[in-house]
Every structure is written in C-alpha cells, then in structure tokens.
C-alpha atoms as a PDB file:
ATOM      1  CA  MET A   1      -0.056  -0.481   0.012  1.00  0.00           C
ATOM      2  CA  LYS A   2       0.846   3.599  -0.814  1.00  0.00           C
ATOM      3  CA  LYS A   3       2.078   5.801   2.164  1.00  0.00           C
ATOM      4  CA  ILE A   4      -0.181   8.367   1.057  1.00  0.00           C
ATOM      5  CA  TYR A   5      -2.944   5.821   0.794  1.00  0.00           C
ATOM      6  CA  LYS A   6      -1.686   3.674   4.092  1.00  0.00           C
ATOM      7  CA  ARG A   7      -1.814   7.295   5.857  1.00  0.00           C
ATOM      8  CA  GLU A   8      -5.285   8.150   5.049  1.00  0.00           C
ATOM      9  CA  PHE A   9      -6.654   4.701   5.753  1.00  0.00           C
ATOM     10  CA  GLU A  10      -4.847   4.856   9.336  1.00  0.00           C
ATOM     11  CA  ARG A  11      -6.095   9.031   9.819  1.00  0.00           C
ATOM     12  CA  ASN A  12      -9.690   7.684   8.513  1.00  0.00           C
ATOM     13  CA  ASP A  13      -9.826   4.334  10.791  1.00  0.00           C
ATOM     14  CA  LYS A  14      -9.253   6.770  13.626  1.00  0.00           C
ATOM     15  CA  ARG A  15     -12.152   8.912  12.862  1.00  0.00           C
ATOM     16  CA  HIS A  16     -14.602   5.852  12.391  1.00  0.00           C
ATOM     17  CA  LEU A  17     -13.585   4.139  15.657  1.00  0.00           C
ATOM     18  CA  LEU A  18     -14.439   7.463  17.717  1.00  0.00           C
ATOM     19  CA  LEU A  19     -17.648   8.168  15.185  1.00  0.00           C
ATOM     20  CA  PHE A  20     -19.042   4.518  16.548  1.00  0.00           C
ATOM     21  CA  GLY A  21     -17.858   5.186  19.776  1.00  0.00           C
ATOM     22  CA  TYR A  22     -14.810   3.745  20.386  1.00  0.00           C
ATOM     23  CA  GLU A  23     -11.627   5.180  22.998  1.00  0.00           C
ATOM     24  CA  GLU A  24      -8.637   5.541  20.844  1.00  0.00           C
ATOM     25  CA  ASN A  25      -6.621   3.815  23.097  1.00  0.00           C
ATOM     26  CA  ASN A  26      -8.634   0.806  24.055  1.00  0.00           C
ATOM     27  CA  GLU A  27     -11.500   0.758  21.677  1.00  0.00           C
ATOM     28  CA  LYS A  28     -13.930  -0.275  24.617  1.00  0.00           C
ATOM     29  CA  ALA A  29     -17.506   0.466  23.190  1.00  0.00           C
ATOM     30  CA  ILE A  30     -19.966   3.592  24.556  1.00  0.00           C
ATOM     31  CA  ALA A  31     -23.074   1.953  25.061  1.00  0.00           C
ATOM     32  CA  LYS A  32     -25.860   3.331  22.058  1.00  0.00           C
ATOM     33  CA  PRO A  33     -28.627   1.775  20.596  1.00  0.00           C
ATOM     34  CA  LEU A  34     -28.164   0.070  17.641  1.00  0.00           C
ATOM     35  CA  LYS A  35     -30.212   2.360  15.667  1.00  0.00           C
ATOM     36  CA  GLU A  36     -27.301   5.673  16.649  1.00  0.00           C
ATOM     37  CA  HIS A  37     -24.779   3.066  15.197  1.00  0.00           C
ATOM     38  CA  VAL A  38     -26.508   2.721  12.111  1.00  0.00           C
ATOM     39  CA  GLU A  39     -27.639   6.659  11.024  1.00  0.00           C
ATOM     40  CA  ALA A  40     -23.759   7.242  12.145  1.00  0.00           C
ATOM     41  CA  PHE A  41     -22.628   5.062   9.460  1.00  0.00           C
ATOM     42  CA  GLU A  42     -25.669   6.354   6.884  1.00  0.00           C
ATOM     43  CA  ARG A  43     -24.392   9.695   7.702  1.00  0.00           C
ATOM     44  CA  MET A  44     -20.465   9.106   7.531  1.00  0.00           C
ATOM     45  CA  LEU A  45     -21.144   7.172   3.938  1.00  0.00           C
ATOM     46  CA  ILE A  46     -22.988   9.783   2.802  1.00  0.00           C
ATOM     47  CA  ASP A  47     -20.705  12.463   3.135  1.00  0.00           C
ATOM     48  CA  ASN A  48     -18.117  10.693   1.974  1.00  0.00           C
ATOM     49  CA  THR A  49     -19.854   9.780  -1.041  1.00  0.00           C
ATOM     50  CA  MET A  50     -20.537  13.295  -1.284  1.00  0.00           C
ATOM     51  CA  ARG A  51     -17.171  14.805  -0.644  1.00  0.00           C
ATOM     52  CA  ARG A  52     -15.510  12.346  -3.258  1.00  0.00           C
ATOM     53  CA  HIS A  53     -17.880  12.970  -6.134  1.00  0.00           C
ATOM     54  CA  LYS A  54     -17.517  16.759  -5.407  1.00  0.00           C
ATOM     55  CA  GLY A  55     -21.509  17.126  -4.584  1.00  0.00           C
ATOM     56  CA  SER A  56     -22.883  15.455  -7.731  1.00  0.00           C
ATOM     57  CA  ILE A  57     -26.197  14.231  -6.808  1.00  0.00           C
ATOM     58  CA  GLN A  58     -26.350  11.835  -9.523  1.00  0.00           C
ATOM     59  CA  SER A  59     -23.305  10.699  -8.805  1.00  0.00           C
ATOM     60  CA  VAL A  60     -24.431   9.583  -5.520  1.00  0.00           C
ATOM     61  CA  MET A  61     -27.466   8.706  -6.349  1.00  0.00           C
ATOM     62  CA  ALA A  62     -25.949   5.844  -8.425  1.00  0.00           C
ATOM     63  CA  GLU A  63     -23.235   4.940  -5.962  1.00  0.00           C
ATOM     64  CA  LEU A  64     -25.628   4.742  -3.390  1.00  0.00           C
ATOM     65  CA  SER A  65     -28.634   3.038  -5.185  1.00  0.00           C
ATOM     66  CA  LEU A  66     -30.686   5.827  -3.695  1.00  0.00           C
ATOM     67  CA  PRO A  67     -33.764   7.342  -5.623  1.00  0.00           C
ATOM     68  CA  ARG A  68     -33.342  11.005  -5.399  1.00  0.00           C
ATOM     69  CA  ARG A  69     -35.905  11.676  -3.126  1.00  0.00           C
ATOM     70  CA  THR A  70     -34.390   9.374  -0.667  1.00  0.00           C
ATOM     71  CA  LEU A  71     -31.287  11.377  -0.984  1.00  0.00           C
ATOM     72  CA  ASN A  72     -32.446  14.476  -0.149  1.00  0.00           C
ATOM     73  CA  GLU A  73     -34.518  13.034   2.712  1.00  0.00           C
ATOM     74  CA  LYS A  74     -31.517  11.432   4.208  1.00  0.00           C
ATOM     75  CA  MET A  75     -29.108  14.497   3.173  1.00  0.00           C
ATOM     76  CA  ALA A  76     -32.194  16.994   5.547  1.00  0.00           C
ATOM     77  CA  LYS A  77     -32.030  14.464   7.959  1.00  0.00           C
ATOM     78  CA  TYR A  78     -28.102  14.292   8.914  1.00  0.00           C
ATOM     79  CA  GLY A  79     -28.026  18.155   8.183  1.00  0.00           C
ATOM     80  CA  LEU A  80     -25.839  18.310   5.152  1.00  0.00           C
ATOM     81  CA  SER A  81     -26.106  20.230   2.405  1.00  0.00           C
ATOM     82  CA  ARG A  82     -24.603  20.227  -1.488  1.00  0.00           C
ATOM     83  CA  SER A  83     -23.280  23.586  -1.458  1.00  0.00           C
ATOM     84  CA  ASN A  84     -20.991  21.858   1.315  1.00  0.00           C
ATOM     85  CA  TYR A  85     -19.610  20.003  -1.556  1.00  0.00           C
ATOM     86  CA  VAL A  86     -19.670  21.911  -4.620  1.00  0.00           C
ATOM     87  CA  GLY A  87     -15.847  22.561  -6.018  1.00  0.00           C
ATOM     88  CA  SER A  88     -14.418  21.263  -2.667  1.00  0.00           C
END
C-alpha cells in the first residue's frame, strides 16, 4: 500500500472508531442503541460519497443506489447540504 493511502486509511480508521463510540486507546464501545450506530454510519457514508463526487447528486445516487427523494431526505435529516461539497 502506498504511504499516502496508508496514512489516509489510518486517519479515517481512527475517525470511524471515534464516530462509532470507541475510545482511541482501548477501543471500548460506548453503549448506544443500534439505531444511533446505523445513523452515524449512514451519515458518514453519504458525507464521504458527496465529498468524493464533489456534490454531484447523480453520481451519489448511482453509487449508493438511492432514489433522489431518499437521498434528499437523508441529507436533510443529517444536516448535509450539497453546497458544502461543490468545488471541494
């Protein structure tokens, strides 16, 4: 694995552990309902996909196999705005 990809993977790995309620040192889970874990994962997935496609709704819809209405509803639910990704 190239050095830059490894560094990016490690940074994202730590971010995901923290996002899902794990402490960085001992990876002990914080008790949360499954629904909260699923929502955090879903938000992260949409956020990452929007960044990768620079806000292209069509590309995000295709990659995640979501209808436009569902994607729009989930973006509104998680406070994600297309304008934050365009040109980034």
